[in-house]
């Protein structure tokens, strides 16, 4: 993990909104981690393609969640991922 995180900045999901407002994250090599706290049953878009919605949290501030929309190949590969997975 130390090798993977070298020269990268950890931004907690619960801090992401504030960091986006105050820092230019496009100029920083940053990472975040989240736990799938809720999964919505896969949905169909107007174009007929299926997608998933996950709610992610860093377990530090349960009131701050990020919604992640999975489309295309990412949806096909990961839609069965269990709730509670990091």
Protein backbone atom coordinates (compact mmCIF):
# COMPACT_ATOMS: atom_id res chain seq x y z
CA UNK A 1 0.00 0.00 0.00
CA UNK A 2 2.87 2.38 0.78
CA UNK A 3 4.20 1.89 -2.77
CA UNK A 4 0.79 2.50 -4.35
CA UNK A 5 0.22 5.64 -2.25
CA UNK A 6 3.67 7.15 -2.86
CA UNK A 7 3.33 10.77 -4.08
CA UNK A 8 -0.46 10.64 -3.84
CA UNK A 9 -2.76 12.57 -1.53
CA UNK A 10 -5.52 10.76 0.36
CA UNK A 11 -8.80 12.65 0.35
CA UNK A 12 -11.56 11.12 2.45
CA UNK A 13 -14.96 10.89 0.79
CA UNK A 14 -16.46 12.96 3.60
CA UNK A 15 -13.98 15.75 2.73
CA UNK A 16 -14.40 15.56 -1.05
CA UNK A 17 -17.07 18.26 -1.44
CA UNK A 18 -15.03 20.75 0.57
CA UNK A 19 -11.79 19.85 -1.25
CA UNK A 20 -13.46 20.29 -4.65
CA UNK A 21 -14.57 23.78 -3.61
CA UNK A 22 -11.22 24.89 -2.19
CA UNK A 23 -8.52 23.07 -4.17
CA UNK A 24 -7.74 22.41 -7.82
CA UNK A 25 -7.75 18.61 -7.66
CA UNK A 26 -6.92 18.33 -11.36
CA UNK A 27 -3.36 19.33 -10.47
CA UNK A 28 -3.00 16.77 -7.65
CA UNK A 29 -2.53 13.00 -7.87
CA UNK A 30 -5.15 12.00 -5.29
CA UNK A 31 -7.03 8.87 -4.25
CA UNK A 32 -10.05 8.11 -2.13
CA UNK A 33 -11.54 5.00 -0.57
CA UNK A 34 -15.18 4.19 0.01
CA UNK A 35 -17.44 1.48 1.26
CA UNK A 36 -20.59 0.60 -0.67
CA UNK A 37 -23.26 1.42 1.91
CA UNK A 38 -26.24 1.13 -0.44
CA UNK A 39 -26.90 -0.28 -3.89
CA UNK A 40 -29.91 0.61 -5.99
CA UNK A 41 -31.35 -2.15 -8.19
CA UNK A 42 -29.87 -1.74 -11.70
CA UNK A 43 -31.87 0.77 -13.76
CA UNK A 44 -32.51 1.21 -17.48
CA UNK A 45 -31.65 4.53 -19.08
CA UNK A 46 -33.80 6.13 -21.79
CA UNK A 47 -31.48 4.62 -24.41
CA UNK A 48 -32.15 1.11 -23.02
CA UNK A 49 -28.73 0.62 -21.47
CA UNK A 50 -28.54 -0.65 -17.91
CA UNK A 51 -26.62 1.15 -15.17
CA UNK A 52 -26.09 0.89 -11.42
CA UNK A 53 -26.00 3.44 -8.63
CA UNK A 54 -23.90 2.92 -5.53
CA UNK A 55 -23.82 5.13 -2.44
CA UNK A 56 -20.32 5.27 -0.99
CA UNK A 57 -19.15 6.44 2.42
CA UNK A 58 -15.80 6.55 4.25
CA UNK A 59 -17.43 5.45 7.55
CA UNK A 60 -16.11 8.59 9.26
CA UNK A 61 -19.18 10.77 8.65
CA UNK A 62 -22.23 8.69 7.78
CA UNK A 63 -24.18 11.79 6.71
CA UNK A 64 -21.75 12.43 3.82
CA UNK A 65 -22.24 9.98 0.94
CA UNK A 66 -21.17 10.06 -2.67
CA UNK A 67 -23.34 8.57 -5.41
CA UNK A 68 -21.40 6.61 -8.02
CA UNK A 69 -23.09 5.81 -11.33
CA UNK A 70 -21.73 2.78 -13.20
CA UNK A 71 -22.32 2.56 -16.96
CA UNK A 72 -21.16 0.35 -19.83
CA UNK A 73 -18.36 -2.13 -19.22
CA UNK A 74 -17.85 -0.92 -15.65
CA UNK A 75 -21.50 -1.72 -14.87
CA UNK A 76 -21.26 -5.13 -16.57
CA UNK A 77 -18.11 -6.04 -14.66
CA UNK A 78 -19.05 -4.74 -11.20
CA UNK A 79 -22.86 -4.64 -10.78
CA UNK A 80 -22.83 -7.79 -8.63
CA UNK A 81 -20.31 -6.33 -6.13
CA UNK A 82 -21.67 -6.81 -2.61
CA UNK A 83 -22.81 -4.00 -0.37
CA UNK A 84 -20.13 -3.49 2.31
CA UNK A 85 -17.26 -3.92 -0.16
CA UNK A 86 -14.44 -1.36 -0.04
